[in-house]
Amino acid sequence: MTAPQRRPPANFVRSWLPLAPGDLVSHNPARPDEVVWQGTSHPDHAGQAGDAARAAQPTWGTFPLERRIEALRAFQRIARERVEEAAALICDETGKALWDAHRRRTLAALARLRSGIPTPRLAARDPLALRFLVMLLFVVGFVVAGPERIARLGEAFRGGETTAAAIARIDAWVT
């Protein structure tokens, strides 16, 4: 049994291996022609970032505590000011993956879609051709209604005017 080949830990960032070398291009999901971000990736970049952080640690420790706190607060202020911009970039990236998956699924469904010549088979369901009788009744009714046909048609759907109920009254003579 052979041991699995291990990669150097400098290439991992939180158990995630960076992409293979090459150009990275991120498109806006709403407008695929618009490039949101473009850069180049290399597996050594994660290791270089870790090395830079380790190299900066001794220098960072030499600063007085007040100056370190001031620098961290400045970073916090900048991060709070730009949180919407960072959130928008994250949403664009998340939305892009979701949009791409939706497009692939929809295109696959469209590729499977087949249609033929319509065959309603109305003659089998309506052998006496009553559908034409209904249409004929509508046309005759429209002609017979006269010039106020639109108003009469509106009355049919609007309903009659509501009248207030007469107050009940009893007239009685006592003798």
C-alpha atoms as a PDB file:
ATOM      1  CA  MET A   1       0.000   0.000   0.000  1.00  0.00           C
ATOM      2  CA  THR A   2       1.422   3.355  -1.008  1.00  0.00           C
ATOM      3  CA  ALA A   3       0.868   6.559   0.896  1.00  0.00           C
ATOM      4  CA  PRO A   4      -1.212   9.197  -0.878  1.00  0.00           C
ATOM      5  CA  GLN A   5       0.738  11.995  -2.452  1.00  0.00           C
ATOM      6  CA  ARG A   6       0.661  15.041  -0.181  1.00  0.00           C
ATOM      7  CA  ARG A   7       0.718  18.630  -1.258  1.00  0.00           C
ATOM      8  CA  PRO A   8       2.752  21.210   0.621  1.00  0.00           C
ATOM      9  CA  PRO A   9       0.591  22.861   3.326  1.00  0.00           C
ATOM     10  CA  ALA A  10       1.563  26.340   2.105  1.00  0.00           C
ATOM     11  CA  ASN A  11      -0.791  25.833  -0.852  1.00  0.00           C
ATOM     12  CA  PHE A  12      -3.836  25.336   1.370  1.00  0.00           C
ATOM     13  CA  VAL A  13      -6.010  28.120   2.732  1.00  0.00           C
ATOM     14  CA  ARG A  14      -8.481  26.791   5.320  1.00  0.00           C
ATOM     15  CA  SER A  15      -8.442  23.324   3.716  1.00  0.00           C
ATOM     16  CA  TRP A  16      -9.066  24.818   0.285  1.00  0.00           C
ATOM     17  CA  LEU A  17      -6.591  24.368  -2.536  1.00  0.00           C
ATOM     18  CA  PRO A  18      -6.305  27.415  -4.801  1.00  0.00           C
ATOM     19  CA  LEU A  19      -7.126  27.048  -8.467  1.00  0.00           C
ATOM     20  CA  ALA A  20      -4.617  25.858 -10.996  1.00  0.00           C
ATOM     21  CA  PRO A  21      -2.457  28.562 -12.554  1.00  0.00           C
ATOM     22  CA  GLY A  22      -4.175  30.724 -15.099  1.00  0.00           C
ATOM     23  CA  ASP A  23      -6.271  33.796 -15.683  1.00  0.00           C
ATOM     24  CA  LEU A  24      -9.353  34.339 -13.555  1.00  0.00           C
ATOM     25  CA  VAL A  25     -12.232  36.311 -15.017  1.00  0.00           C
ATOM     26  CA  SER A  26     -15.434  37.055 -13.118  1.00  0.00           C
ATOM     27  CA  HIS A  27     -18.470  38.218 -15.105  1.00  0.00           C
ATOM     28  CA  ASN A  28     -21.546  40.054 -13.862  1.00  0.00           C
ATOM     29  CA  PRO A  29     -24.420  37.499 -13.787  1.00  0.00           C
ATOM     30  CA  ALA A  30     -26.969  40.098 -14.887  1.00  0.00           C
ATOM     31  CA  ARG A  31     -24.805  41.288 -17.793  1.00  0.00           C
ATOM     32  CA  PRO A  32     -22.461  38.451 -18.886  1.00  0.00           C
ATOM     33  CA  ASP A  33     -20.502  40.769 -21.197  1.00  0.00           C
ATOM     34  CA  GLU A  34     -19.418  42.923 -18.221  1.00  0.00           C
ATOM     35  CA  VAL A  35     -16.203  41.807 -16.508  1.00  0.00           C
ATOM     36  CA  VAL A  36     -16.354  42.489 -12.754  1.00  0.00           C
ATOM     37  CA  TRP A  37     -12.842  41.309 -11.842  1.00  0.00           C
ATOM     38  CA  GLN A  38      -9.861  39.887 -13.686  1.00  0.00           C
ATOM     39  CA  GLY A  39      -6.570  38.556 -12.357  1.00  0.00           C
ATOM     40  CA  THR A  40      -4.037  35.768 -12.503  1.00  0.00           C
ATOM     41  CA  SER A  41      -3.852  32.839 -10.084  1.00  0.00           C
ATOM     42  CA  HIS A  42      -0.941  30.672  -9.089  1.00  0.00           C
ATOM     43  CA  PRO A  43      -0.835  27.975  -6.376  1.00  0.00           C
ATOM     44  CA  ASP A  44       2.167  29.701  -4.773  1.00  0.00           C
ATOM     45  CA  HIS A  45       0.084  32.822  -4.018  1.00  0.00           C
ATOM     46  CA  ALA A  46      -1.474  31.287  -0.885  1.00  0.00           C
ATOM     47  CA  GLY A  47       1.951  30.248   0.394  1.00  0.00           C
ATOM     48  CA  GLN A  48       3.364  33.701  -0.344  1.00  0.00           C
ATOM     49  CA  ALA A  49       0.531  35.340   1.601  1.00  0.00           C
ATOM     50  CA  GLY A  50       1.227  33.079   4.593  1.00  0.00           C
ATOM     51  CA  ASP A  51       4.964  33.793   4.376  1.00  0.00           C
ATOM     52  CA  ALA A  52       4.298  37.546   4.258  1.00  0.00           C
ATOM     53  CA  ALA A  53       2.085  37.318   7.359  1.00  0.00           C
ATOM     54  CA  ARG A  54       4.748  35.324   9.238  1.00  0.00           C
ATOM     55  CA  ALA A  55       7.442  37.829   8.214  1.00  0.00           C
ATOM     56  CA  ALA A  56       5.322  40.787   9.380  1.00  0.00           C
ATOM     57  CA  GLN A  57       4.560  39.283  12.803  1.00  0.00           C
ATOM     58  CA  PRO A  58       7.865  40.210  14.533  1.00  0.00           C
ATOM     59  CA  THR A  59       7.681  43.790  13.229  1.00  0.00           C
ATOM     60  CA  TRP A  60       4.046  44.097  14.294  1.00  0.00           C
ATOM     61  CA  GLY A  61       4.988  43.034  17.816  1.00  0.00           C
ATOM     62  CA  THR A  62       7.544  45.865  18.134  1.00  0.00           C
ATOM     63  CA  PHE A  63       4.914  48.600  17.778  1.00  0.00           C
ATOM     64  CA  PRO A  64       3.465  50.011  21.010  1.00  0.00           C
ATOM     65  CA  LEU A  65       0.089  48.593  22.015  1.00  0.00           C
ATOM     66  CA  GLU A  66      -1.690  51.938  21.445  1.00  0.00           C
ATOM     67  CA  ARG A  67      -0.392  52.139  17.874  1.00  0.00           C
ATOM     68  CA  ARG A  68      -1.489  48.550  17.136  1.00  0.00           C
ATOM     69  CA  ILE A  69      -4.953  49.272  18.548  1.00  0.00           C
ATOM     70  CA  GLU A  70      -5.120  52.464  16.460  1.00  0.00           C
ATOM     71  CA  ALA A  71      -4.146  50.531  13.308  1.00  0.00           C
ATOM     72  CA  LEU A  72      -6.740  47.828  14.004  1.00  0.00           C
ATOM     73  CA  ARG A  73      -9.436  50.462  14.591  1.00  0.00           C
ATOM     74  CA  ALA A  74      -8.491  52.191  11.325  1.00  0.00           C
ATOM     75  CA  PHE A  75      -8.772  48.844   9.557  1.00  0.00           C
ATOM     76  CA  GLN A  76     -12.144  48.254  11.244  1.00  0.00           C
ATOM     77  CA  ARG A  77     -13.390  51.688  10.124  1.00  0.00           C
ATOM     78  CA  ILE A  78     -12.280  51.076   6.528  1.00  0.00           C
ATOM     79  CA  ALA A  79     -13.879  47.615   6.566  1.00  0.00           C
ATOM     80  CA  ARG A  80     -17.177  49.052   7.835  1.00  0.00           C
ATOM     81  CA  GLU A  81     -17.141  51.774   5.176  1.00  0.00           C
ATOM     82  CA  ARG A  82     -16.554  49.252   2.395  1.00  0.00           C
ATOM     83  CA  VAL A  83     -18.784  46.441   3.673  1.00  0.00           C
ATOM     84  CA  GLU A  84     -21.463  47.166   1.041  1.00  0.00           C
ATOM     85  CA  GLU A  85     -18.893  46.998  -1.749  1.00  0.00           C
ATOM     86  CA  ALA A  86     -17.535  43.689  -0.425  1.00  0.00           C
ATOM     87  CA  ALA A  87     -21.058  42.317  -0.012  1.00  0.00           C
ATOM     88  CA  ALA A  88     -21.900  43.320  -3.587  1.00  0.00           C
ATOM     89  CA  LEU A  89     -18.835  41.476  -4.902  1.00  0.00           C
ATOM     90  CA  ILE A  90     -19.727  38.380  -2.869  1.00  0.00           C
ATOM     91  CA  CYS A  91     -23.333  38.531  -4.108  1.00  0.00           C
ATOM     92  CA  ASP A  92     -22.135  38.895  -7.695  1.00  0.00           C
ATOM     93  CA  GLU A  93     -19.945  35.812  -7.340  1.00  0.00           C
ATOM     94  CA  THR A  94     -22.642  33.770  -5.576  1.00  0.00           C
ATOM     95  CA  GLY A  95     -25.288  34.946  -8.016  1.00  0.00           C
ATOM     96  CA  LYS A  96     -23.052  34.126 -10.965  1.00  0.00           C
ATOM     97  CA  ALA A  97     -22.742  30.480  -9.940  1.00  0.00           C
ATOM     98  CA  LEU A  98     -26.480  30.243  -9.307  1.00  0.00           C
ATOM     99  CA  TRP A  99     -27.298  31.960 -12.607  1.00  0.00           C
ATOM    100  CA  ASP A 100     -24.900  29.696 -14.531  1.00  0.00           C
ATOM    101  CA  ALA A 101     -26.487  26.591 -12.980  1.00  0.00           C
ATOM    102  CA  HIS A 102     -29.963  27.891 -13.831  1.00  0.00           C
ATOM    103  CA  ARG A 103     -28.950  28.609 -17.437  1.00  0.00           C
ATOM    104  CA  ARG A 104     -27.391  25.149 -17.868  1.00  0.00           C
ATOM    105  CA  ARG A 105     -30.506  23.450 -16.476  1.00  0.00           C
ATOM    106  CA  THR A 106     -32.846  25.567 -18.618  1.00  0.00           C
ATOM    107  CA  LEU A 107     -30.829  24.985 -21.800  1.00  0.00           C
ATOM    108  CA  ALA A 108     -30.818  21.233 -21.113  1.00  0.00           C
ATOM    109  CA  ALA A 109     -34.601  21.308 -20.622  1.00  0.00           C
ATOM    110  CA  LEU A 110     -35.026  23.263 -23.864  1.00  0.00           C
ATOM    111  CA  ALA A 111     -32.876  20.732 -25.729  1.00  0.00           C
ATOM    112  CA  ARG A 112     -35.217  17.936 -24.576  1.00  0.00           C
ATOM    113  CA  LEU A 113     -38.346  19.898 -25.505  1.00  0.00           C
ATOM    114  CA  ARG A 114     -40.267  18.511 -28.477  1.00  0.00           C
ATOM    115  CA  SER A 115     -43.492  19.763 -30.001  1.00  0.00           C
ATOM    116  CA  GLY A 116     -45.652  18.413 -32.774  1.00  0.00           C
ATOM    117  CA  ILE A 117     -48.611  19.487 -34.851  1.00  0.00           C
ATOM    118  CA  PRO A 118     -51.594  20.433 -32.671  1.00  0.00           C
ATOM    119  CA  THR A 119     -54.293  17.751 -32.610  1.00  0.00           C
ATOM    120  CA  PRO A 120     -57.201  19.073 -30.539  1.00  0.00           C
ATOM    121  CA  ARG A 121     -59.663  16.310 -31.638  1.00  0.00           C
ATOM    122  CA  LEU A 122     -62.614  18.669 -31.116  1.00  0.00           C
ATOM    123  CA  ALA A 123     -64.844  16.704 -33.481  1.00  0.00           C
ATOM    124  CA  ALA A 124     -64.577  13.666 -31.207  1.00  0.00           C
ATOM    125  CA  ARG A 125     -65.564  15.676 -28.114  1.00  0.00           C
ATOM    126  CA  ASP A 126     -68.263  17.824 -29.797  1.00  0.00           C
ATOM    127  CA  PRO A 127     -69.912  15.652 -32.495  1.00  0.00           C
ATOM    128  CA  LEU A 128     -72.975  17.957 -32.831  1.00  0.00           C
ATOM    129  CA  ALA A 129     -70.794  21.063 -33.331  1.00  0.00           C
ATOM    130  CA  LEU A 130     -72.452  22.907 -30.446  1.00  0.00           C
ATOM    131  CA  ARG A 131     -69.403  25.144 -30.165  1.00  0.00           C
ATOM    132  CA  PHE A 132     -70.555  26.952 -33.298  1.00  0.00           C
ATOM    133  CA  LEU A 133     -74.063  27.351 -31.870  1.00  0.00           C
ATOM    134  CA  VAL A 134     -72.661  29.126 -28.792  1.00  0.00           C
ATOM    135  CA  MET A 135     -70.679  31.502 -30.996  1.00  0.00           C
ATOM    136  CA  LEU A 136     -73.751  32.134 -33.184  1.00  0.00           C
ATOM    137  CA  LEU A 137     -75.834  33.019 -30.088  1.00  0.00           C
ATOM    138  CA  PHE A 138     -73.222  35.573 -29.013  1.00  0.00           C
ATOM    139  CA  VAL A 139     -73.165  37.226 -32.455  1.00  0.00           C
ATOM    140  CA  VAL A 140     -76.993  37.333 -32.739  1.00  0.00           C
ATOM    141  CA  GLY A 141     -77.300  38.736 -29.219  1.00  0.00           C
ATOM    142  CA  PHE A 142     -74.769  41.448 -30.026  1.00  0.00           C
ATOM    143  CA  VAL A 143     -76.658  42.478 -33.180  1.00  0.00           C
ATOM    144  CA  VAL A 144     -80.113  42.405 -31.531  1.00  0.00           C
ATOM    145  CA  ALA A 145     -78.933  44.519 -28.581  1.00  0.00           C
ATOM    146  CA  GLY A 146     -79.076  47.622 -30.753  1.00  0.00           C
ATOM    147  CA  PRO A 147     -77.021  50.797 -30.504  1.00  0.00           C
ATOM    148  CA  GLU A 148     -76.714  50.682 -26.707  1.00  0.00           C
ATOM    149  CA  ARG A 149     -75.173  47.190 -26.786  1.00  0.00           C
ATOM    150  CA  ILE A 150     -72.004  48.236 -24.921  1.00  0.00           C
ATOM    151  CA  ALA A 151     -73.981  49.889 -22.113  1.00  0.00           C
ATOM    152  CA  ARG A 152     -76.294  46.874 -21.840  1.00  0.00           C
ATOM    153  CA  LEU A 153     -73.351  44.519 -21.754  1.00  0.00           C
ATOM    154  CA  GLY A 154     -71.806  46.619 -18.993  1.00  0.00           C
ATOM    155  CA  GLU A 155     -75.073  46.494 -17.031  1.00  0.00           C
ATOM    156  CA  ALA A 156     -75.053  42.704 -17.205  1.00  0.00           C
ATOM    157  CA  PHE A 157     -71.680  42.555 -15.467  1.00  0.00           C
ATOM    158  CA  ARG A 158     -72.084  45.590 -13.237  1.00  0.00           C
ATOM    159  CA  GLY A 159     -75.451  44.626 -11.806  1.00  0.00           C
ATOM    160  CA  GLY A 160     -78.401  46.855 -11.084  1.00  0.00           C
ATOM    161  CA  GLU A 161     -78.314  49.994  -9.011  1.00  0.00           C
ATOM    162  CA  THR A 162     -78.700  49.430  -5.340  1.00  0.00           C
ATOM    163  CA  THR A 163     -81.657  51.195  -3.798  1.00  0.00           C
ATOM    164  CA  ALA A 164     -82.026  51.920  -0.164  1.00  0.00           C
ATOM    165  CA  ALA A 165     -84.626  49.746   1.472  1.00  0.00           C
ATOM    166  CA  ALA A 166     -87.821  51.600   2.295  1.00  0.00           C
ATOM    167  CA  ILE A 167     -88.335  52.177   5.979  1.00  0.00           C
ATOM    168  CA  ALA A 168     -90.971  49.805   7.258  1.00  0.00           C
ATOM    169  CA  ARG A 169     -94.087  51.645   8.327  1.00  0.00           C
ATOM    170  CA  ILE A 170     -97.259  50.410   9.864  1.00  0.00           C
ATOM    171  CA  ASP A 171    -100.390  52.511   9.692  1.00  0.00           C
ATOM    172  CA  ALA A 172    -102.909  51.342  12.247  1.00  0.00           C
ATOM    173  CA  TRP A 173    -106.174  52.876  13.503  1.00  0.00           C
ATOM    174  CA  VAL A 174    -107.338  52.047  16.914  1.00  0.00           C
ATOM    175  CA  THR A 175    -111.064  52.407  17.381  1.00  0.00           C
END
